[in-house]
PDB file of N, CA and C in Angstrom:
ATOM      1  N   MET A   1      10.505  11.515  30.909  1.00  0.00           N
ATOM      2  CA  MET A   1       9.354  12.381  30.782  1.00  0.00           C
ATOM      3  C   MET A   1       9.039  12.576  29.295  1.00  0.00           C
ATOM      4  N   ALA A   2       7.799  12.432  28.930  1.00  0.00           N
ATOM      5  CA  ALA A   2       7.400  12.539  27.525  1.00  0.00           C
ATOM      6  C   ALA A   2       7.339  14.001  27.099  1.00  0.00           C
ATOM      7  N   PRO A   3       7.584  14.275  25.814  1.00  0.00           N
ATOM      8  CA  PRO A   3       7.486  15.665  25.348  1.00  0.00           C
ATOM      9  C   PRO A   3       6.033  16.143  25.345  1.00  0.00           C
ATOM     10  N   LEU A   4       5.854  17.411  25.606  1.00  0.00           N
ATOM     11  CA  LEU A   4       4.527  18.010  25.659  1.00  0.00           C
ATOM     12  C   LEU A   4       4.453  19.170  24.678  1.00  0.00           C
ATOM     13  N   PRO A   5       3.250  19.492  24.170  1.00  0.00           N
ATOM     14  CA  PRO A   5       3.134  20.653  23.286  1.00  0.00           C
ATOM     15  C   PRO A   5       3.403  21.945  24.052  1.00  0.00           C
ATOM     16  N   LYS A   6       4.082  22.883  23.392  1.00  0.00           N
ATOM     17  CA  LYS A   6       4.440  24.143  24.051  1.00  0.00           C
ATOM     18  C   LYS A   6       3.236  25.069  24.192  1.00  0.00           C
ATOM     19  N   LYS A   7       2.323  25.043  23.209  1.00  0.00           N
ATOM     20  CA  LYS A   7       1.161  25.934  23.246  1.00  0.00           C
ATOM     21  C   LYS A   7      -0.103  25.120  22.969  1.00  0.00           C
ATOM     22  N   LYS A   8      -1.230  25.656  23.426  1.00  0.00           N
ATOM     23  CA  LYS A   8      -2.517  25.019  23.179  1.00  0.00           C
ATOM     24  C   LYS A   8      -2.901  25.196  21.714  1.00  0.00           C
ATOM     25  N   ARG A   9      -3.392  24.137  21.115  1.00  0.00           N
ATOM     26  CA  ARG A   9      -3.879  24.231  19.738  1.00  0.00           C
ATOM     27  C   ARG A   9      -5.294  24.785  19.775  1.00  0.00           C
ATOM     28  N   THR A  10      -5.524  25.897  19.108  1.00  0.00           N
ATOM     29  CA  THR A  10      -6.819  26.569  19.170  1.00  0.00           C
ATOM     30  C   THR A  10      -7.858  25.805  18.361  1.00  0.00           C
ATOM     31  N   HIS A  11      -9.126  26.127  18.619  1.00  0.00           N
ATOM     32  CA  HIS A  11     -10.222  25.474  17.902  1.00  0.00           C
ATOM     33  C   HIS A  11     -10.168  25.807  16.414  1.00  0.00           C
ATOM     34  N   ALA A  12      -9.726  27.005  16.067  1.00  0.00           N
ATOM     35  CA  ALA A  12      -9.661  27.396  14.656  1.00  0.00           C
ATOM     36  C   ALA A  12      -8.620  26.563  13.915  1.00  0.00           C
ATOM     37  N   ARG A  13      -7.451  26.387  14.512  1.00  0.00           N
ATOM     38  CA  ARG A  13      -6.416  25.572  13.860  1.00  0.00           C
ATOM     39  C   ARG A  13      -6.826  24.099  13.814  1.00  0.00           C
ATOM     40  N   GLN A  14      -7.490  23.663  14.840  1.00  0.00           N
ATOM     41  CA  GLN A  14      -7.969  22.284  14.853  1.00  0.00           C
ATOM     42  C   GLN A  14      -9.024  22.082  13.763  1.00  0.00           C
ATOM     43  N   GLY A  15      -9.919  23.064  13.601  1.00  0.00           N
ATOM     44  CA  GLY A  15     -10.933  22.973  12.550  1.00  0.00           C
ATOM     45  C   GLY A  15     -10.326  23.038  11.166  1.00  0.00           C
ATOM     46  N   ASN A  16      -9.276  23.859  10.994  1.00  0.00           N
ATOM     47  CA  ASN A  16      -8.600  23.925   9.699  1.00  0.00           C
ATOM     48  C   ASN A  16      -7.944  22.598   9.359  1.00  0.00           C
ATOM     49  N   ARG A  17      -7.434  21.917  10.345  1.00  0.00           N
ATOM     50  CA  ARG A  17      -6.794  20.630  10.100  1.00  0.00           C
ATOM     51  C   ARG A  17      -7.822  19.592   9.653  1.00  0.00           C
ATOM     52  N   TRP A  18      -9.012  19.648  10.243  1.00  0.00           N
ATOM     53  CA  TRP A  18     -10.045  18.666   9.927  1.00  0.00           C
ATOM     54  C   TRP A  18     -10.967  19.110   8.792  1.00  0.00           C
ATOM     55  N   SER A  19     -10.661  20.199   8.115  1.00  0.00           N
ATOM     56  CA  SER A  19     -11.585  20.748   7.118  1.00  0.00           C
ATOM     57  C   SER A  19     -11.708  19.881   5.867  1.00  0.00           C
ATOM     58  N   HIS A  20     -10.758  18.987   5.609  1.00  0.00           N
ATOM     59  CA  HIS A  20     -10.786  18.180   4.387  1.00  0.00           C
ATOM     60  C   HIS A  20     -11.354  16.783   4.619  1.00  0.00           C
ATOM     61  N   SER A  21     -11.772  16.473   5.819  1.00  0.00           N
ATOM     62  CA  SER A  21     -12.194  15.109   6.126  1.00  0.00           C
ATOM     63  C   SER A  21     -13.709  14.956   6.218  1.00  0.00           C
ATOM     64  N   GLN A  22     -14.470  15.815   5.560  1.00  0.00           N
ATOM     65  CA  GLN A  22     -15.923  15.709   5.613  1.00  0.00           C
ATOM     66  C   GLN A  22     -16.403  14.604   4.664  1.00  0.00           C
ATOM     67  N   LEU A  23     -17.621  14.155   4.882  1.00  0.00           N
ATOM     68  CA  LEU A  23     -18.221  13.149   4.013  1.00  0.00           C
ATOM     69  C   LEU A  23     -18.691  13.803   2.725  1.00  0.00           C
ATOM     70  N   ARG A  24     -18.474  13.117   1.617  1.00  0.00           N
ATOM     71  CA  ARG A  24     -18.895  13.637   0.321  1.00  0.00           C
ATOM     72  C   ARG A  24     -20.133  12.871  -0.149  1.00  0.00           C
ATOM     73  N   PRO A  25     -21.036  13.529  -0.873  1.00  0.00           N
ATOM     74  CA  PRO A  25     -22.238  12.828  -1.327  1.00  0.00           C
ATOM     75  C   PRO A  25     -21.898  11.756  -2.362  1.00  0.00           C
ATOM     76  N   VAL A  26     -22.703  10.718  -2.389  1.00  0.00           N
ATOM     77  CA  VAL A  26     -22.504   9.621  -3.326  1.00  0.00           C
ATOM     78  C   VAL A  26     -22.909  10.088  -4.716  1.00  0.00           C
ATOM     79  N   ALA A  27     -22.015   9.914  -5.691  1.00  0.00           N
ATOM     80  CA  ALA A  27     -22.303  10.311  -7.070  1.00  0.00           C
ATOM     81  C   ALA A  27     -23.083   9.188  -7.751  1.00  0.00           C
ATOM     82  N   LEU A  28     -24.247   9.507  -8.268  1.00  0.00           N
ATOM     83  CA  LEU A  28     -25.069   8.530  -8.973  1.00  0.00           C
ATOM     84  C   LEU A  28     -25.494   9.114 -10.313  1.00  0.00           C
ATOM     85  N   THR A  29     -25.527   8.267 -11.335  1.00  0.00           N
ATOM     86  CA  THR A  29     -26.015   8.655 -12.651  1.00  0.00           C
ATOM     87  C   THR A  29     -27.155   7.715 -13.022  1.00  0.00           C
ATOM     88  N   THR A  30     -27.899   8.065 -14.063  1.00  0.00           N
ATOM     89  CA  THR A  30     -28.981   7.198 -14.517  1.00  0.00           C
ATOM     90  C   THR A  30     -28.480   6.319 -15.651  1.00  0.00           C
ATOM     91  N   CYS A  31     -28.887   5.082 -15.637  1.00  0.00           N
ATOM     92  CA  CYS A  31     -28.540   4.145 -16.696  1.00  0.00           C
ATOM     93  C   CYS A  31     -29.353   4.510 -17.938  1.00  0.00           C
ATOM     94  N   PRO A  32     -28.717   4.646 -19.104  1.00  0.00           N
ATOM     95  CA  PRO A  32     -29.488   5.008 -20.299  1.00  0.00           C
ATOM     96  C   PRO A  32     -30.407   3.892 -20.792  1.00  0.00           C
ATOM     97  N   GLN A  33     -30.168   2.648 -20.371  1.00  0.00           N
ATOM     98  CA  GLN A  33     -30.996   1.531 -20.827  1.00  0.00           C
ATOM     99  C   GLN A  33     -32.262   1.376 -19.978  1.00  0.00           C
ATOM    100  N   CYS A  34     -32.079   1.332 -18.648  1.00  0.00           N
ATOM    101  CA  CYS A  34     -33.229   1.031 -17.780  1.00  0.00           C
ATOM    102  C   CYS A  34     -33.618   2.192 -16.873  1.00  0.00           C
ATOM    103  N   ARG A  35     -32.902   3.294 -16.924  1.00  0.00           N
ATOM    104  CA  ARG A  35     -33.176   4.510 -16.147  1.00  0.00           C
ATOM    105  C   ARG A  35     -33.042   4.301 -14.632  1.00  0.00           C
ATOM    106  N   ALA A  36     -32.308   3.281 -14.209  1.00  0.00           N
ATOM    107  CA  ALA A  36     -32.061   3.069 -12.783  1.00  0.00           C
ATOM    108  C   ALA A  36     -30.829   3.863 -12.362  1.00  0.00           C
ATOM    109  N   LEU A  37     -30.752   4.199 -11.079  1.00  0.00           N
ATOM    110  CA  LEU A  37     -29.579   4.902 -10.577  1.00  0.00           C
ATOM    111  C   LEU A  37     -28.424   3.925 -10.414  1.00  0.00           C
ATOM    112  N   LYS A  38     -27.226   4.355 -10.834  1.00  0.00           N
ATOM    113  CA  LYS A  38     -26.037   3.516 -10.741  1.00  0.00           C
ATOM    114  C   LYS A  38     -24.822   4.404 -10.532  1.00  0.00           C
ATOM    115  N   PRO A  39     -23.737   3.874  -9.967  1.00  0.00           N
ATOM    116  CA  PRO A  39     -22.513   4.664  -9.848  1.00  0.00           C
ATOM    117  C   PRO A  39     -21.908   4.915 -11.226  1.00  0.00           C
ATOM    118  N   PRO A  40     -21.266   6.063 -11.445  1.00  0.00           N
ATOM    119  CA  PRO A  40     -20.686   6.336 -12.759  1.00  0.00           C
ATOM    120  C   PRO A  40     -19.500   5.419 -13.042  1.00  0.00           C
ATOM    121  N   HIS A  41     -19.286   5.107 -14.311  1.00  0.00           N
ATOM    122  CA  HIS A  41     -18.167   4.298 -14.810  1.00  0.00           C
ATOM    123  C   HIS A  41     -18.227   2.852 -14.333  1.00  0.00           C
ATOM    124  N   LEU A  42     -19.412   2.365 -13.976  1.00  0.00           N
ATOM    125  CA  LEU A  42     -19.571   0.980 -13.551  1.00  0.00           C
ATOM    126  C   LEU A  42     -20.746   0.353 -14.294  1.00  0.00           C
ATOM    127  N   VAL A  43     -20.755  -0.969 -14.346  1.00  0.00           N
ATOM    128  CA  VAL A  43     -21.849  -1.705 -14.974  1.00  0.00           C
ATOM    129  C   VAL A  43     -23.111  -1.496 -14.150  1.00  0.00           C
ATOM    130  N   CYS A  44     -24.228  -1.330 -14.829  1.00  0.00           N
ATOM    131  CA  CYS A  44     -25.503  -1.140 -14.138  1.00  0.00           C
ATOM    132  C   CYS A  44     -25.873  -2.441 -13.426  1.00  0.00           C
ATOM    133  N   PRO A  45     -26.106  -2.402 -12.110  1.00  0.00           N
ATOM    134  CA  PRO A  45     -26.465  -3.635 -11.412  1.00  0.00           C
ATOM    135  C   PRO A  45     -27.880  -4.110 -11.721  1.00  0.00           C
ATOM    136  N   ASN A  46     -28.699  -3.252 -12.320  1.00  0.00           N
ATOM    137  CA  ASN A  46     -30.086  -3.608 -12.608  1.00  0.00           C
ATOM    138  C   ASN A  46     -30.207  -4.358 -13.934  1.00  0.00           C
ATOM    139  N   CYS A  47     -29.549  -3.840 -14.992  1.00  0.00           N
ATOM    140  CA  CYS A  47     -29.716  -4.454 -16.313  1.00  0.00           C
ATOM    141  C   CYS A  47     -28.426  -5.049 -16.876  1.00  0.00           C
ATOM    142  N   GLY A  48     -27.259  -4.724 -16.321  1.00  0.00           N
ATOM    143  CA  GLY A  48     -26.000  -5.313 -16.776  1.00  0.00           C
ATOM    144  C   GLY A  48     -25.380  -4.627 -17.970  1.00  0.00           C
ATOM    145  N   HIS A  49     -25.833  -3.428 -18.338  1.00  0.00           N
ATOM    146  CA  HIS A  49     -25.281  -2.714 -19.487  1.00  0.00           C
ATOM    147  C   HIS A  49     -24.179  -1.758 -19.053  1.00  0.00           C
ATOM    148  N   TYR A  50     -23.204  -1.556 -19.949  1.00  0.00           N
ATOM    149  CA  TYR A  50     -22.155  -0.565 -19.745  1.00  0.00           C
ATOM    150  C   TYR A  50     -21.777  -0.009 -21.100  1.00  0.00           C
ATOM    151  N   ARG A  51     -21.880   1.294 -21.261  1.00  0.00           N
ATOM    152  CA  ARG A  51     -21.554   2.018 -22.494  1.00  0.00           C
ATOM    153  C   ARG A  51     -22.310   1.458 -23.697  1.00  0.00           C
ATOM    154  N   GLY A  52     -23.580   1.141 -23.500  1.00  0.00           N
ATOM    155  CA  GLY A  52     -24.436   0.718 -24.595  1.00  0.00           C
ATOM    156  C   GLY A  52     -24.374  -0.755 -24.931  1.00  0.00           C
ATOM    157  N   ARG A  53     -23.549  -1.530 -24.216  1.00  0.00           N
ATOM    158  CA  ARG A  53     -23.450  -2.962 -24.485  1.00  0.00           C
ATOM    159  C   ARG A  53     -23.840  -3.745 -23.239  1.00  0.00           C
ATOM    160  N   GLU A  54     -24.391  -4.939 -23.455  1.00  0.00           N
ATOM    161  CA  GLU A  54     -24.706  -5.797 -22.323  1.00  0.00           C
ATOM    162  C   GLU A  54     -23.440  -6.546 -21.933  1.00  0.00           C
ATOM    163  N   VAL A  55     -22.907  -6.224 -20.782  1.00  0.00           N
ATOM    164  CA  VAL A  55     -21.644  -6.802 -20.336  1.00  0.00           C
ATOM    165  C   VAL A  55     -21.893  -7.993 -19.423  1.00  0.00           C
ATOM    166  N   VAL A  56     -22.876  -7.872 -18.546  1.00  0.00           N
ATOM    167  CA  VAL A  56     -23.218  -8.932 -17.606  1.00  0.00           C
ATOM    168  C   VAL A  56     -24.635  -9.387 -17.911  1.00  0.00           C
ATOM    169  N   VAL A  57     -24.808 -10.689 -18.107  1.00  0.00           N
ATOM    170  CA  VAL A  57     -26.141 -11.233 -18.359  1.00  0.00           C
ATOM    171  C   VAL A  57     -26.806 -11.461 -17.008  1.00  0.00           C
ATOM    172  N   ILE A  58     -27.934 -10.796 -16.789  1.00  0.00           N
ATOM    173  CA  ILE A  58     -28.669 -10.905 -15.532  1.00  0.00           C
ATOM    174  C   ILE A  58     -29.974 -11.625 -15.820  1.00  0.00           C
ATOM    175  N   SER A  59     -30.208 -12.730 -15.086  1.00  0.00           N
ATOM    176  CA  SER A  59     -31.437 -13.488 -15.304  1.00  0.00           C
ATOM    177  C   SER A  59     -32.605 -12.770 -14.639  1.00  0.00           C
ATOM    178  N   ARG A  60     -33.811 -13.156 -14.990  1.00  0.00           N
ATOM    179  CA  ARG A  60     -35.014 -12.509 -14.462  1.00  0.00           C
ATOM    180  C   ARG A  60     -35.159 -12.758 -12.956  1.00  0.00           C
ATOM    181  N   ALA A  61     -34.790 -13.953 -12.471  1.00  0.00           N
ATOM    182  CA  ALA A  61     -34.926 -14.262 -11.048  1.00  0.00           C
ATOM    183  C   ALA A  61     -33.993 -13.389 -10.216  1.00  0.00           C
ATOM    184  N   GLU A  62     -32.773 -13.139 -10.709  1.00  0.00           N
ATOM    185  CA  GLU A  62     -31.826 -12.297  -9.973  1.00  0.00           C
ATOM    186  C   GLU A  62     -32.299 -10.855  -9.927  1.00  0.00           C
ATOM    187  N   SER A  63     -32.855 -10.360 -11.041  1.00  0.00           N
ATOM    188  CA  SER A  63     -33.269  -8.961 -11.070  1.00  0.00           C
ATOM    189  C   SER A  63     -34.473  -8.713 -10.165  1.00  0.00           C
ATOM    190  N   ARG A  64     -35.338  -9.729  -9.965  1.00  0.00           N
ATOM    191  CA  ARG A  64     -36.478  -9.560  -9.074  1.00  0.00           C
ATOM    192  C   ARG A  64     -36.050  -9.549  -7.606  1.00  0.00           C
ATOM    193  N   GLN A  65     -34.999 -10.316  -7.278  1.00  0.00           N
ATOM    194  CA  GLN A  65     -34.532 -10.375  -5.904  1.00  0.00           C
ATOM    195  C   GLN A  65     -33.698  -9.162  -5.531  1.00  0.00           C
ATOM    196  N   GLY A  66     -33.233  -8.401  -6.488  1.00  0.00           N
ATOM    197  CA  GLY A  66     -32.439  -7.223  -6.200  1.00  0.00           C
ATOM    198  C   GLY A  66     -30.958  -7.510  -6.127  1.00  0.00           C
ATOM    199  N   GLY A  67     -30.492  -8.629  -6.629  1.00  0.00           N
ATOM    200  CA  GLY A  67     -29.074  -8.939  -6.528  1.00  0.00           C
ATOM    201  C   GLY A  67     -28.628  -9.663  -7.706  1.00  0.00           C
TER     202      GLY A  67
END
């Protein structure tokens, strides 16, 4: 016979257990070069700049396609 819980877990205790698992909003900052939204601490996917330097060279055809 499998073990069973001795008491019912109430909705309040169940909610307290799940209180830390909510979805958090996506953090976005503006690129100082092209003013596009980008994730913080990452290279801008629009212009390829990071901390004032061009890190990734993005051709014109790629930037028009969005990738």
